[in-house]
């Protein structure tokens, strides 16, 4: 398992796998072995493959592995379940109860995991963060898949400086991220860009499985350098 700590001054590429284990087995060996790449077992992947899928990815990827389980309750048990499966980072929904968010971050600290709070559907990040006694390691500004085609929906980078002025955290940008959006995310102060791996014909932005995925990953790394 990789060192759990992320460097808030470093820029990372997080590649999200949302399909099945067969795709993970096909794609991950083609990716550059970089400490700046995080592999994400996406929520649809986990719903399809379960912890077995997380364990399988851990078996072929030595770097950071994010379980995008989006905890909403039962934080302690879900953190332990993900840790036992080999992930070293886990997500919780920002609109979960404050008690869940606090327990989640505390449990992650005690178990040596990176805690990520996903602000999908959250209007004001500080309203989520202020009541917490245990601050997460990563705050994810997230425009959801179903929002990608909605005119005017954007990743809310205006919150970056508000968060950074009060908390020493990494900030991730997720949702419809292509190379142009990756540049924009870094320009606006994010230090993790989350990019979906997508099949041709799917309506979402990201890295297409029809492309040279290793080359595209290197291009993203260069773009966010």
C-alpha atoms as a PDB file:
ATOM      1  CA  UNK A   1       0.000   0.000   0.000  1.00  0.00           C
ATOM      2  CA  UNK A   2       1.285   3.469  -0.895  1.00  0.00           C
ATOM      3  CA  UNK A   3       2.170   6.088   1.683  1.00  0.00           C
ATOM      4  CA  UNK A   4      -1.256   7.425   2.632  1.00  0.00           C
ATOM      5  CA  UNK A   5      -0.273  11.067   2.695  1.00  0.00           C
ATOM      6  CA  UNK A   6      -0.793  13.238  -0.355  1.00  0.00           C
ATOM      7  CA  UNK A   7       1.328  16.339  -0.821  1.00  0.00           C
ATOM      8  CA  UNK A   8      -1.076  19.294  -1.004  1.00  0.00           C
ATOM      9  CA  UNK A   9       1.497  21.101  -3.156  1.00  0.00           C
ATOM     10  CA  UNK A  10       1.702  18.248  -5.665  1.00  0.00           C
ATOM     11  CA  UNK A  11      -0.618  17.811  -8.641  1.00  0.00           C
ATOM     12  CA  UNK A  12      -2.242  14.444  -9.187  1.00  0.00           C
ATOM     13  CA  UNK A  13      -4.236  12.669 -11.872  1.00  0.00           C
ATOM     14  CA  UNK A  14      -7.010  10.410 -10.571  1.00  0.00           C
ATOM     15  CA  UNK A  15      -8.332   7.983 -13.199  1.00  0.00           C
ATOM     16  CA  UNK A  16     -11.824   6.682 -12.471  1.00  0.00           C
ATOM     17  CA  UNK A  17     -12.858   3.167 -13.525  1.00  0.00           C
ATOM     18  CA  UNK A  18     -16.653   2.940 -13.653  1.00  0.00           C
ATOM     19  CA  UNK A  19     -17.177  -0.218 -15.692  1.00  0.00           C
ATOM     20  CA  UNK A  20     -16.075  -3.739 -14.830  1.00  0.00           C
ATOM     21  CA  UNK A  21     -13.025  -5.600 -13.650  1.00  0.00           C
ATOM     22  CA  UNK A  22     -12.211  -6.803 -17.150  1.00  0.00           C
ATOM     23  CA  UNK A  23     -11.590  -3.206 -18.216  1.00  0.00           C
ATOM     24  CA  UNK A  24      -9.396  -2.585 -15.172  1.00  0.00           C
ATOM     25  CA  UNK A  25      -7.316  -5.651 -15.978  1.00  0.00           C
ATOM     26  CA  UNK A  26      -6.984  -4.465 -19.578  1.00  0.00           C
ATOM     27  CA  UNK A  27      -6.142  -0.821 -18.939  1.00  0.00           C
ATOM     28  CA  UNK A  28      -4.151  -0.556 -15.697  1.00  0.00           C
ATOM     29  CA  UNK A  29      -1.064  -2.454 -16.960  1.00  0.00           C
ATOM     30  CA  UNK A  30      -0.825   0.147 -19.762  1.00  0.00           C
ATOM     31  CA  UNK A  31      -0.658   3.124 -17.410  1.00  0.00           C
ATOM     32  CA  UNK A  32       2.641   4.757 -16.461  1.00  0.00           C
ATOM     33  CA  UNK A  33       3.812   3.845 -12.967  1.00  0.00           C
ATOM     34  CA  UNK A  34       3.710   7.306 -11.478  1.00  0.00           C
ATOM     35  CA  UNK A  35       3.299   8.430  -7.883  1.00  0.00           C
ATOM     36  CA  UNK A  36       1.144  11.225  -9.304  1.00  0.00           C
ATOM     37  CA  UNK A  37      -1.527   8.810 -10.588  1.00  0.00           C
ATOM     38  CA  UNK A  38      -4.358   7.662  -8.334  1.00  0.00           C
ATOM     39  CA  UNK A  39      -6.581   4.822  -9.521  1.00  0.00           C
ATOM     40  CA  UNK A  40     -10.231   5.119  -8.534  1.00  0.00           C
ATOM     41  CA  UNK A  41     -12.578   2.188  -8.157  1.00  0.00           C
ATOM     42  CA  UNK A  42     -15.641   4.238  -9.094  1.00  0.00           C
ATOM     43  CA  UNK A  43     -19.043   3.949  -7.494  1.00  0.00           C
ATOM     44  CA  UNK A  44     -20.585   1.990 -10.419  1.00  0.00           C
ATOM     45  CA  UNK A  45     -17.541  -0.305 -10.425  1.00  0.00           C
ATOM     46  CA  UNK A  46     -17.916  -1.006  -6.699  1.00  0.00           C
ATOM     47  CA  UNK A  47     -21.652  -1.633  -7.064  1.00  0.00           C
ATOM     48  CA  UNK A  48     -20.888  -4.115  -9.833  1.00  0.00           C
ATOM     49  CA  UNK A  49     -17.727  -5.780  -8.513  1.00  0.00           C
ATOM     50  CA  UNK A  50     -17.837  -5.112  -4.767  1.00  0.00           C
ATOM     51  CA  UNK A  51     -14.800  -5.367  -2.512  1.00  0.00           C
ATOM     52  CA  UNK A  52     -13.589  -8.256  -4.664  1.00  0.00           C
ATOM     53  CA  UNK A  53     -13.014  -5.708  -7.425  1.00  0.00           C
ATOM     54  CA  UNK A  54     -11.126  -3.364  -5.118  1.00  0.00           C
ATOM     55  CA  UNK A  55      -8.885  -6.253  -4.022  1.00  0.00           C
ATOM     56  CA  UNK A  56      -8.271  -7.187  -7.643  1.00  0.00           C
ATOM     57  CA  UNK A  57      -7.166  -3.657  -8.553  1.00  0.00           C
ATOM     58  CA  UNK A  58      -4.873  -3.571  -5.537  1.00  0.00           C
ATOM     59  CA  UNK A  59      -3.261  -6.715  -6.891  1.00  0.00           C
ATOM     60  CA  UNK A  60      -2.221  -4.980 -10.127  1.00  0.00           C
ATOM     61  CA  UNK A  61      -1.728  -1.352  -9.029  1.00  0.00           C
ATOM     62  CA  UNK A  62       0.939  -0.537  -6.412  1.00  0.00           C
ATOM     63  CA  UNK A  63       0.120   3.153  -6.067  1.00  0.00           C
ATOM     64  CA  UNK A  64      -2.735   5.059  -4.489  1.00  0.00           C
ATOM     65  CA  UNK A  65      -6.110   3.343  -4.810  1.00  0.00           C
ATOM     66  CA  UNK A  66      -9.316   5.298  -4.138  1.00  0.00           C
ATOM     67  CA  UNK A  67     -12.549   3.493  -3.255  1.00  0.00           C
ATOM     68  CA  UNK A  68     -15.298   5.876  -4.334  1.00  0.00           C
ATOM     69  CA  UNK A  69     -17.833   4.232  -2.062  1.00  0.00           C
ATOM     70  CA  UNK A  70     -19.561   7.531  -1.189  1.00  0.00           C
ATOM     71  CA  UNK A  71     -20.308   6.635   2.417  1.00  0.00           C
ATOM     72  CA  UNK A  72     -23.545   8.172   3.672  1.00  0.00           C
ATOM     73  CA  UNK A  73     -23.924   6.319   6.983  1.00  0.00           C
ATOM     74  CA  UNK A  74     -22.163   3.562   8.909  1.00  0.00           C
ATOM     75  CA  UNK A  75     -18.828   5.297   8.397  1.00  0.00           C
ATOM     76  CA  UNK A  76     -16.653   3.182  10.690  1.00  0.00           C
ATOM     77  CA  UNK A  77     -17.669  -0.134   9.151  1.00  0.00           C
ATOM     78  CA  UNK A  78     -17.280   1.114   5.578  1.00  0.00           C
ATOM     79  CA  UNK A  79     -13.840   2.578   6.247  1.00  0.00           C
ATOM     80  CA  UNK A  80     -12.711  -0.740   7.735  1.00  0.00           C
ATOM     81  CA  UNK A  81     -14.237  -2.710   4.862  1.00  0.00           C
ATOM     82  CA  UNK A  82     -12.400  -0.628   2.267  1.00  0.00           C
ATOM     83  CA  UNK A  83      -9.123  -0.788   4.176  1.00  0.00           C
ATOM     84  CA  UNK A  84      -9.327  -4.572   4.372  1.00  0.00           C
ATOM     85  CA  UNK A  85      -9.875  -4.658   0.598  1.00  0.00           C
ATOM     86  CA  UNK A  86      -6.585  -2.794   0.067  1.00  0.00           C
ATOM     87  CA  UNK A  87      -7.655   0.752  -0.804  1.00  0.00           C
ATOM     88  CA  UNK A  88      -5.838   3.635   0.851  1.00  0.00           C
ATOM     89  CA  UNK A  89      -8.364   6.383   0.127  1.00  0.00           C
ATOM     90  CA  UNK A  90     -12.152   6.474   0.504  1.00  0.00           C
ATOM     91  CA  UNK A  91     -14.965   8.940  -0.203  1.00  0.00           C
ATOM     92  CA  UNK A  92     -17.879  10.141   1.896  1.00  0.00           C
ATOM     93  CA  UNK A  93     -20.809  12.240   0.704  1.00  0.00           C
ATOM     94  CA  UNK A  94     -20.632  15.824   1.901  1.00  0.00           C
ATOM     95  CA  UNK A  95     -24.375  15.898   2.489  1.00  0.00           C
ATOM     96  CA  UNK A  96     -24.128  13.015   4.967  1.00  0.00           C
ATOM     97  CA  UNK A  97     -24.830  13.892   8.621  1.00  0.00           C
ATOM     98  CA  UNK A  98     -22.102  15.798  10.437  1.00  0.00           C
ATOM     99  CA  UNK A  99     -21.752  12.845  12.818  1.00  0.00           C
ATOM    100  CA  UNK A 100     -21.011  10.566   9.874  1.00  0.00           C
ATOM    101  CA  UNK A 101     -18.474  12.973   8.370  1.00  0.00           C
ATOM    102  CA  UNK A 102     -16.664  13.368  11.695  1.00  0.00           C
ATOM    103  CA  UNK A 103     -16.588   9.644  12.399  1.00  0.00           C
ATOM    104  CA  UNK A 104     -15.466   8.966   8.835  1.00  0.00           C
ATOM    105  CA  UNK A 105     -12.477  11.343   9.009  1.00  0.00           C
ATOM    106  CA  UNK A 106     -11.526  10.134  12.490  1.00  0.00           C
ATOM    107  CA  UNK A 107     -11.692   6.484  11.458  1.00  0.00           C
ATOM    108  CA  UNK A 108      -9.628   7.183   8.345  1.00  0.00           C
ATOM    109  CA  UNK A 109      -6.962   8.882  10.461  1.00  0.00           C
ATOM    110  CA  UNK A 110      -6.855   5.966  12.883  1.00  0.00           C
ATOM    111  CA  UNK A 111      -6.736   3.365  10.087  1.00  0.00           C
ATOM    112  CA  UNK A 112      -4.198   5.236   7.964  1.00  0.00           C
ATOM    113  CA  UNK A 113      -6.494   6.033   5.034  1.00  0.00           C
ATOM    114  CA  UNK A 114      -6.893   9.224   3.005  1.00  0.00           C
ATOM    115  CA  UNK A 115     -10.323  10.722   3.696  1.00  0.00           C
ATOM    116  CA  UNK A 116     -12.118  12.412   0.791  1.00  0.00           C
ATOM    117  CA  UNK A 117     -15.368  14.348   1.167  1.00  0.00           C
ATOM    118  CA  UNK A 118     -17.357  14.490  -2.082  1.00  0.00           C
ATOM    119  CA  UNK A 119     -19.366  17.713  -2.412  1.00  0.00           C
ATOM    120  CA  UNK A 120     -21.712  16.418  -5.119  1.00  0.00           C
ATOM    121  CA  UNK A 121     -24.932  18.408  -4.718  1.00  0.00           C
ATOM    122  CA  UNK A 122     -23.521  20.607  -1.938  1.00  0.00           C
ATOM    123  CA  UNK A 123     -24.025  24.344  -2.382  1.00  0.00           C
ATOM    124  CA  UNK A 124     -21.620  25.694   0.248  1.00  0.00           C
ATOM    125  CA  UNK A 125     -18.558  23.596   1.165  1.00  0.00           C
ATOM    126  CA  UNK A 126     -17.845  25.651   4.278  1.00  0.00           C
ATOM    127  CA  UNK A 127     -21.289  24.833   5.666  1.00  0.00           C
ATOM    128  CA  UNK A 128     -20.172  21.187   5.542  1.00  0.00           C
ATOM    129  CA  UNK A 129     -16.646  21.721   6.859  1.00  0.00           C
ATOM    130  CA  UNK A 130     -17.213  24.261   9.653  1.00  0.00           C
ATOM    131  CA  UNK A 131     -19.008  21.927  12.100  1.00  0.00           C
ATOM    132  CA  UNK A 132     -16.385  19.189  11.786  1.00  0.00           C
ATOM    133  CA  UNK A 133     -13.919  18.352  14.538  1.00  0.00           C
ATOM    134  CA  UNK A 134     -11.989  16.093  12.145  1.00  0.00           C
ATOM    135  CA  UNK A 135     -11.195  17.703   8.789  1.00  0.00           C
ATOM    136  CA  UNK A 136     -10.856  15.383   5.762  1.00  0.00           C
ATOM    137  CA  UNK A 137      -7.641  15.152   3.755  1.00  0.00           C
ATOM    138  CA  UNK A 138      -9.281  15.930   0.408  1.00  0.00           C
ATOM    139  CA  UNK A 139     -12.272  18.063  -0.611  1.00  0.00           C
ATOM    140  CA  UNK A 140     -13.811  17.048  -3.958  1.00  0.00           C
ATOM    141  CA  UNK A 141     -15.609  19.725  -5.984  1.00  0.00           C
ATOM    142  CA  UNK A 142     -17.868  17.519  -8.078  1.00  0.00           C
ATOM    143  CA  UNK A 143     -20.179  18.100 -11.016  1.00  0.00           C
ATOM    144  CA  UNK A 144     -22.114  14.845 -11.354  1.00  0.00           C
ATOM    145  CA  UNK A 145     -22.410  12.678 -14.439  1.00  0.00           C
ATOM    146  CA  UNK A 146     -26.073  13.518 -14.810  1.00  0.00           C
ATOM    147  CA  UNK A 147     -25.203  17.227 -14.679  1.00  0.00           C
ATOM    148  CA  UNK A 148     -22.578  17.180 -17.428  1.00  0.00           C
ATOM    149  CA  UNK A 149     -25.030  18.075 -20.204  1.00  0.00           C
ATOM    150  CA  UNK A 150     -26.880  20.726 -18.187  1.00  0.00           C
ATOM    151  CA  UNK A 151     -26.194  24.182 -19.573  1.00  0.00           C
ATOM    152  CA  UNK A 152     -24.552  26.423 -17.018  1.00  0.00           C
ATOM    153  CA  UNK A 153     -23.507  23.625 -14.659  1.00  0.00           C
ATOM    154  CA  UNK A 154     -19.827  24.002 -13.827  1.00  0.00           C
ATOM    155  CA  UNK A 155     -17.322  22.790 -11.268  1.00  0.00           C
ATOM    156  CA  UNK A 156     -17.491  25.475  -8.581  1.00  0.00           C
ATOM    157  CA  UNK A 157     -13.879  26.657  -8.527  1.00  0.00           C
ATOM    158  CA  UNK A 158     -14.985  29.857  -6.777  1.00  0.00           C
ATOM    159  CA  UNK A 159     -14.908  27.821  -3.558  1.00  0.00           C
ATOM    160  CA  UNK A 160     -11.224  26.873  -3.831  1.00  0.00           C
ATOM    161  CA  UNK A 161      -9.794  29.974  -2.161  1.00  0.00           C
ATOM    162  CA  UNK A 162     -12.552  29.971   0.480  1.00  0.00           C
ATOM    163  CA  UNK A 163     -11.621  26.411   1.444  1.00  0.00           C
ATOM    164  CA  UNK A 164      -7.856  26.918   1.246  1.00  0.00           C
ATOM    165  CA  UNK A 165      -7.979  30.049   3.391  1.00  0.00           C
ATOM    166  CA  UNK A 166      -9.289  27.973   6.304  1.00  0.00           C
ATOM    167  CA  UNK A 167      -8.139  24.388   5.784  1.00  0.00           C
ATOM    168  CA  UNK A 168      -4.904  22.649   4.826  1.00  0.00           C
ATOM    169  CA  UNK A 169      -6.432  20.163   2.407  1.00  0.00           C
ATOM    170  CA  UNK A 170      -6.022  18.890  -1.121  1.00  0.00           C
ATOM    171  CA  UNK A 171      -8.762  19.942  -3.524  1.00  0.00           C
ATOM    172  CA  UNK A 172      -9.969  17.675  -6.313  1.00  0.00           C
ATOM    173  CA  UNK A 173     -12.010  18.634  -9.364  1.00  0.00           C
ATOM    174  CA  UNK A 174     -14.345  15.979 -10.773  1.00  0.00           C
ATOM    175  CA  UNK A 175     -17.021  15.869 -13.439  1.00  0.00           C
ATOM    176  CA  UNK A 176     -16.624  16.137 -17.211  1.00  0.00           C
ATOM    177  CA  UNK A 177     -12.870  16.691 -17.018  1.00  0.00           C
ATOM    178  CA  UNK A 178     -11.014  16.604 -20.333  1.00  0.00           C
ATOM    179  CA  UNK A 179      -7.613  18.165 -21.089  1.00  0.00           C
ATOM    180  CA  UNK A 180      -9.048  21.683 -21.262  1.00  0.00           C
ATOM    181  CA  UNK A 181     -10.927  21.220 -17.995  1.00  0.00           C
ATOM    182  CA  UNK A 182      -7.785  19.789 -16.404  1.00  0.00           C
ATOM    183  CA  UNK A 183      -5.900  22.971 -17.305  1.00  0.00           C
ATOM    184  CA  UNK A 184      -8.745  25.046 -15.909  1.00  0.00           C
ATOM    185  CA  UNK A 185      -8.828  23.024 -12.684  1.00  0.00           C
ATOM    186  CA  UNK A 186      -5.124  23.583 -12.047  1.00  0.00           C
ATOM    187  CA  UNK A 187      -5.357  27.264 -13.011  1.00  0.00           C
ATOM    188  CA  UNK A 188      -8.158  27.662 -10.484  1.00  0.00           C
ATOM    189  CA  UNK A 189      -6.184  26.056  -7.675  1.00  0.00           C
ATOM    190  CA  UNK A 190      -7.207  22.386  -7.619  1.00  0.00           C
ATOM    191  CA  UNK A 191      -4.349  19.926  -7.233  1.00  0.00           C
ATOM    192  CA  UNK A 192      -6.163  16.678  -8.096  1.00  0.00           C
ATOM    193  CA  UNK A 193      -8.039  16.238 -11.381  1.00  0.00           C
ATOM    194  CA  UNK A 194     -10.426  13.292 -11.601  1.00  0.00           C
ATOM    195  CA  UNK A 195     -10.820  11.922 -15.129  1.00  0.00           C
ATOM    196  CA  UNK A 196     -13.320   9.247 -16.120  1.00  0.00           C
ATOM    197  CA  UNK A 197     -12.352   6.388 -18.382  1.00  0.00           C
ATOM    198  CA  UNK A 198     -15.207   6.259 -20.921  1.00  0.00           C
ATOM    199  CA  UNK A 199     -16.287   3.931 -23.700  1.00  0.00           C
ATOM    200  CA  UNK A 200     -16.873   5.350 -27.206  1.00  0.00           C
ATOM    201  CA  UNK A 201     -20.475   6.504 -27.536  1.00  0.00           C
ATOM    202  CA  UNK A 202     -20.902   7.246 -23.845  1.00  0.00           C
ATOM    203  CA  UNK A 203     -22.110  10.811 -23.174  1.00  0.00           C
ATOM    204  CA  UNK A 204     -19.391  11.695 -20.646  1.00  0.00           C
ATOM    205  CA  UNK A 205     -16.068  13.476 -20.990  1.00  0.00           C
ATOM    206  CA  UNK A 206     -12.778  11.848 -20.091  1.00  0.00           C
ATOM    207  CA  UNK A 207     -10.234   9.471 -21.576  1.00  0.00           C
ATOM    208  CA  UNK A 208     -11.786   7.278 -24.251  1.00  0.00           C
ATOM    209  CA  UNK A 209     -10.961   3.576 -24.222  1.00  0.00           C
ATOM    210  CA  UNK A 210     -10.443   3.890 -27.992  1.00  0.00           C
ATOM    211  CA  UNK A 211      -7.387   6.095 -27.384  1.00  0.00           C
ATOM    212  CA  UNK A 212      -3.851   5.175 -26.387  1.00  0.00           C
ATOM    213  CA  UNK A 213      -4.689   5.337 -22.687  1.00  0.00           C
ATOM    214  CA  UNK A 214      -1.100   5.289 -21.473  1.00  0.00           C
ATOM    215  CA  UNK A 215      -0.202   8.172 -23.784  1.00  0.00           C
ATOM    216  CA  UNK A 216      -3.282  10.128 -22.706  1.00  0.00           C
ATOM    217  CA  UNK A 217      -2.424   9.635 -19.044  1.00  0.00           C
ATOM    218  CA  UNK A 218       1.052  11.007 -19.703  1.00  0.00           C
ATOM    219  CA  UNK A 219      -0.467  13.955 -21.563  1.00  0.00           C
ATOM    220  CA  UNK A 220      -2.727  14.728 -18.601  1.00  0.00           C
ATOM    221  CA  UNK A 221       0.261  14.546 -16.243  1.00  0.00           C
ATOM    222  CA  UNK A 222       2.169  16.994 -18.449  1.00  0.00           C
ATOM    223  CA  UNK A 223      -0.864  19.292 -18.679  1.00  0.00           C
ATOM    224  CA  UNK A 224      -1.274  19.579 -14.918  1.00  0.00           C
ATOM    225  CA  UNK A 225       2.476  19.760 -14.137  1.00  0.00           C
END
